[in-house]
């Protein structure tokens, strides 16, 4: 596993812990504002993990493409742009 994959794994484990924390907050009938703050933090963490992974995807996949395959390069670029658009 590469360093960037390890980084994303750590981020996801942290997010998993945050989600479990919100579940406990709901069970404990905690203040709505606190729950919303935690959900906002989770959304931001997921977004940042997605960006980190896309950055790895771009560097690992795009840079390794055969320069003599412009159709393949364009298809991969199109896929990457589509993924970035969905992340927003």
N, C-alpha and C. Protein backbone atom coordinates (compact mmCIF):
# COMPACT_ATOMS: atom_id res chain seq x y z
N UNK A 1 0.85 -1.18 0.00
CA UNK A 1 0.00 0.00 0.00
C UNK A 1 0.90 1.24 0.00
N UNK A 2 0.58 2.18 -0.87
CA UNK A 2 1.37 3.39 -0.98
C UNK A 2 1.09 4.32 0.20
N UNK A 3 1.93 5.33 0.37
CA UNK A 3 1.74 6.30 1.44
C UNK A 3 0.42 7.05 1.29
N UNK A 4 0.07 7.37 0.05
CA UNK A 4 -1.18 8.10 -0.17
C UNK A 4 -2.39 7.21 0.14
N UNK A 5 -2.31 5.93 -0.18
CA UNK A 5 -3.40 5.02 0.17
C UNK A 5 -3.50 4.88 1.69
N UNK A 6 -2.37 4.82 2.34
CA UNK A 6 -2.35 4.73 3.80
C UNK A 6 -2.97 5.98 4.42
N UNK A 7 -2.68 7.14 3.84
CA UNK A 7 -3.26 8.39 4.32
C UNK A 7 -4.78 8.37 4.19
N UNK A 8 -5.28 7.91 3.06
CA UNK A 8 -6.73 7.86 2.85
C UNK A 8 -7.35 6.86 3.81
N UNK A 9 -6.69 5.72 4.04
CA UNK A 9 -7.19 4.73 5.01
C UNK A 9 -7.31 5.35 6.40
N UNK A 10 -6.30 6.10 6.82
CA UNK A 10 -6.34 6.76 8.14
C UNK A 10 -7.49 7.75 8.20
N UNK A 11 -7.68 8.51 7.13
CA UNK A 11 -8.78 9.47 7.09
C UNK A 11 -10.12 8.77 7.22
N UNK A 12 -10.28 7.65 6.51
CA UNK A 12 -11.54 6.92 6.55
C UNK A 12 -11.81 6.33 7.93
N UNK A 13 -10.78 5.85 8.60
CA UNK A 13 -10.96 5.32 9.96
C UNK A 13 -11.37 6.44 10.92
N UNK A 14 -10.79 7.62 10.73
CA UNK A 14 -11.17 8.77 11.55
C UNK A 14 -12.63 9.14 11.30
N UNK A 15 -13.02 9.13 10.03
CA UNK A 15 -14.41 9.43 9.67
C UNK A 15 -15.35 8.39 10.28
N UNK A 16 -14.95 7.14 10.22
CA UNK A 16 -15.76 6.07 10.80
C UNK A 16 -15.99 6.33 12.29
N UNK A 17 -14.96 6.76 12.98
CA UNK A 17 -15.09 7.09 14.40
C UNK A 17 -16.02 8.28 14.62
N UNK A 18 -15.93 9.27 13.74
CA UNK A 18 -16.81 10.43 13.85
C UNK A 18 -18.27 10.01 13.66
N UNK A 19 -18.53 9.13 12.71
CA UNK A 19 -19.90 8.67 12.45
C UNK A 19 -20.43 7.92 13.67
N UNK A 20 -19.61 7.06 14.24
CA UNK A 20 -20.04 6.34 15.46
C UNK A 20 -20.33 7.32 16.58
N UNK A 21 -19.52 8.37 16.66
CA UNK A 21 -19.75 9.40 17.68
C UNK A 21 -21.09 10.09 17.50
N UNK A 22 -21.45 10.39 16.27
CA UNK A 22 -22.75 11.03 15.99
C UNK A 22 -23.89 10.06 16.33
N UNK A 23 -23.70 8.79 16.03
CA UNK A 23 -24.73 7.81 16.38
C UNK A 23 -24.97 7.80 17.90
N UNK A 24 -23.88 7.87 18.67
CA UNK A 24 -24.01 7.91 20.13
C UNK A 24 -24.69 9.21 20.57
N UNK A 25 -24.33 10.31 19.91
CA UNK A 25 -24.95 11.59 20.23
C UNK A 25 -26.46 11.53 20.02
N UNK A 26 -26.88 10.91 18.93
CA UNK A 26 -28.32 10.76 18.65
C UNK A 26 -28.99 9.90 19.71
N UNK A 27 -28.34 8.79 20.06
CA UNK A 27 -28.89 7.90 21.09
C UNK A 27 -29.03 8.62 22.43
N UNK A 28 -28.09 9.54 22.71
CA UNK A 28 -28.09 10.27 23.97
C UNK A 28 -28.92 11.55 23.92
N UNK A 29 -29.61 11.76 22.78
CA UNK A 29 -30.44 12.96 22.60
C UNK A 29 -29.65 14.24 22.86
N UNK A 30 -28.46 14.32 22.28
CA UNK A 30 -27.63 15.51 22.45
C UNK A 30 -28.22 16.68 21.69
N UNK A 31 -27.69 17.85 21.99
CA UNK A 31 -28.15 19.10 21.38
C UNK A 31 -28.04 19.03 19.86
N UNK A 32 -29.09 19.50 19.18
CA UNK A 32 -29.13 19.47 17.71
C UNK A 32 -27.95 20.21 17.09
N UNK A 33 -27.59 21.34 17.66
CA UNK A 33 -26.49 22.13 17.11
C UNK A 33 -25.18 21.34 17.14
N UNK A 34 -24.92 20.63 18.22
CA UNK A 34 -23.71 19.82 18.32
C UNK A 34 -23.69 18.72 17.26
N UNK A 35 -24.85 18.10 17.06
CA UNK A 35 -24.94 17.02 16.06
C UNK A 35 -24.70 17.58 14.66
N UNK A 36 -25.30 18.71 14.36
CA UNK A 36 -25.11 19.32 13.05
C UNK A 36 -23.65 19.71 12.84
N UNK A 37 -23.01 20.22 13.89
CA UNK A 37 -21.58 20.57 13.77
C UNK A 37 -20.75 19.33 13.45
N UNK A 38 -21.05 18.22 14.08
CA UNK A 38 -20.32 16.98 13.82
C UNK A 38 -20.60 16.45 12.42
N UNK A 39 -21.85 16.55 11.98
CA UNK A 39 -22.18 16.10 10.62
C UNK A 39 -21.47 16.97 9.58
N UNK A 40 -21.36 18.25 9.85
CA UNK A 40 -20.63 19.15 8.95
C UNK A 40 -19.15 18.78 8.92
N UNK A 41 -18.60 18.45 10.08
CA UNK A 41 -17.20 18.03 10.13
C UNK A 41 -16.99 16.73 9.35
N UNK A 42 -17.94 15.81 9.44
CA UNK A 42 -17.85 14.55 8.70
C UNK A 42 -17.90 14.82 7.20
N UNK A 43 -18.81 15.68 6.78
CA UNK A 43 -18.92 16.02 5.36
C UNK A 43 -17.60 16.59 4.85
N UNK A 44 -17.00 17.48 5.62
CA UNK A 44 -15.73 18.07 5.22
C UNK A 44 -14.62 17.02 5.16
N UNK A 45 -14.60 16.13 6.14
CA UNK A 45 -13.58 15.07 6.17
C UNK A 45 -13.72 14.13 4.99
N UNK A 46 -14.95 13.79 4.63
CA UNK A 46 -15.18 12.92 3.47
C UNK A 46 -14.73 13.63 2.20
N UNK A 47 -15.06 14.90 2.08
CA UNK A 47 -14.65 15.68 0.91
C UNK A 47 -13.13 15.71 0.79
N UNK A 48 -12.44 15.97 1.91
CA UNK A 48 -10.98 16.02 1.88
C UNK A 48 -10.36 14.66 1.57
N UNK A 49 -10.95 13.60 2.08
CA UNK A 49 -10.46 12.25 1.77
C UNK A 49 -10.65 11.96 0.28
N UNK A 50 -11.78 12.39 -0.27
CA UNK A 50 -12.04 12.21 -1.69
C UNK A 50 -11.01 12.96 -2.53
N UNK A 51 -10.73 14.20 -2.16
CA UNK A 51 -9.74 14.98 -2.90
C UNK A 51 -8.36 14.34 -2.83
N UNK A 52 -8.00 13.85 -1.65
CA UNK A 52 -6.69 13.21 -1.49
C UNK A 52 -6.60 11.98 -2.39
N UNK A 53 -7.67 11.20 -2.44
CA UNK A 53 -7.65 10.02 -3.28
C UNK A 53 -7.63 10.38 -4.76
N UNK A 54 -8.40 11.40 -5.14
CA UNK A 54 -8.41 11.83 -6.54
C UNK A 54 -7.04 12.36 -6.95
N UNK A 55 -6.36 13.02 -6.05
CA UNK A 55 -5.02 13.51 -6.35
C UNK A 55 -4.10 12.33 -6.65
N UNK A 56 -4.22 11.27 -5.86
CA UNK A 56 -3.44 10.06 -6.09
C UNK A 56 -3.84 9.41 -7.41
N UNK A 57 -5.12 9.35 -7.64
CA UNK A 57 -5.63 8.77 -8.89
C UNK A 57 -5.05 9.51 -10.08
N UNK A 58 -5.07 10.83 -9.99
CA UNK A 58 -4.57 11.64 -11.11
C UNK A 58 -3.10 11.37 -11.33
N UNK A 59 -2.33 11.39 -10.27
CA UNK A 59 -0.88 11.22 -10.47
C UNK A 59 -0.52 9.80 -10.85
N UNK A 60 -1.15 8.81 -10.22
CA UNK A 60 -0.82 7.42 -10.51
C UNK A 60 -1.31 6.98 -11.88
N UNK A 61 -2.52 7.34 -12.21
CA UNK A 61 -3.13 6.84 -13.45
C UNK A 61 -2.79 7.70 -14.67
N UNK A 62 -2.96 8.99 -14.54
CA UNK A 62 -2.76 9.86 -15.69
C UNK A 62 -1.30 9.89 -16.11
N UNK A 63 -0.42 9.98 -15.16
CA UNK A 63 1.00 10.10 -15.50
C UNK A 63 1.59 8.79 -16.03
N UNK A 64 0.94 7.68 -15.76
CA UNK A 64 1.45 6.39 -16.23
C UNK A 64 0.89 5.98 -17.59
N UNK A 65 0.01 6.79 -18.14
CA UNK A 65 -0.57 6.45 -19.44
C UNK A 65 0.47 6.53 -20.54
N UNK A 66 0.27 5.71 -21.50
CA UNK A 66 1.13 5.69 -22.67
C UNK A 66 0.93 6.98 -23.47
N UNK A 67 2.01 7.70 -23.69
CA UNK A 67 1.93 8.96 -24.43
C UNK A 67 1.45 8.75 -25.86
N UNK A 68 1.59 7.54 -26.36
CA UNK A 68 1.17 7.24 -27.72
C UNK A 68 -0.30 6.81 -27.80
N UNK A 69 -1.04 6.99 -26.71
CA UNK A 69 -2.45 6.61 -26.68
C UNK A 69 -3.30 7.83 -26.33
N UNK A 70 -3.44 8.77 -27.27
CA UNK A 70 -4.19 10.00 -26.97
C UNK A 70 -5.66 9.73 -26.66
N UNK A 71 -6.24 8.70 -27.24
CA UNK A 71 -7.64 8.38 -26.97
C UNK A 71 -7.80 7.91 -25.51
N UNK A 72 -6.90 7.04 -25.08
CA UNK A 72 -6.93 6.56 -23.70
C UNK A 72 -6.68 7.67 -22.70
N UNK A 73 -5.74 8.56 -23.02
CA UNK A 73 -5.45 9.70 -22.14
C UNK A 73 -6.67 10.61 -22.03
N UNK A 74 -7.33 10.86 -23.16
CA UNK A 74 -8.51 11.73 -23.14
C UNK A 74 -9.65 11.08 -22.35
N UNK A 75 -9.83 9.78 -22.51
CA UNK A 75 -10.89 9.07 -21.78
C UNK A 75 -10.63 9.14 -20.27
N UNK A 76 -9.39 8.94 -19.87
CA UNK A 76 -9.06 9.02 -18.45
C UNK A 76 -9.25 10.43 -17.92
N UNK A 77 -8.86 11.42 -18.69
CA UNK A 77 -9.05 12.81 -18.30
C UNK A 77 -10.53 13.12 -18.16
N UNK A 78 -11.34 12.65 -19.09
CA UNK A 78 -12.78 12.85 -19.01
C UNK A 78 -13.36 12.21 -17.75
N UNK A 79 -12.91 10.99 -17.43
CA UNK A 79 -13.37 10.31 -16.23
C UNK A 79 -13.00 11.11 -14.98
N UNK A 80 -11.77 11.62 -14.95
CA UNK A 80 -11.31 12.37 -13.79
C UNK A 80 -12.13 13.65 -13.61
N UNK A 81 -12.41 14.34 -14.69
CA UNK A 81 -13.21 15.57 -14.62
C UNK A 81 -14.63 15.24 -14.13
N UNK A 82 -15.19 14.14 -14.59
CA UNK A 82 -16.51 13.73 -14.15
C UNK A 82 -16.51 13.44 -12.66
N UNK A 83 -15.48 12.74 -12.18
CA UNK A 83 -15.38 12.44 -10.75
C UNK A 83 -15.25 13.71 -9.92
N UNK A 84 -14.45 14.63 -10.37
CA UNK A 84 -14.27 15.89 -9.65
C UNK A 84 -15.60 16.64 -9.60
N UNK A 85 -16.34 16.63 -10.71
CA UNK A 85 -17.64 17.29 -10.74
C UNK A 85 -18.62 16.70 -9.75
N UNK A 86 -18.57 15.40 -9.55
CA UNK A 86 -19.47 14.73 -8.61
C UNK A 86 -19.08 14.99 -7.17
N UNK A 87 -17.81 15.31 -6.94
CA UNK A 87 -17.32 15.53 -5.57
C UNK A 87 -17.81 16.85 -5.00
N UNK A 88 -18.19 17.77 -5.86
CA UNK A 88 -18.58 19.10 -5.40
C UNK A 88 -19.91 19.20 -4.82
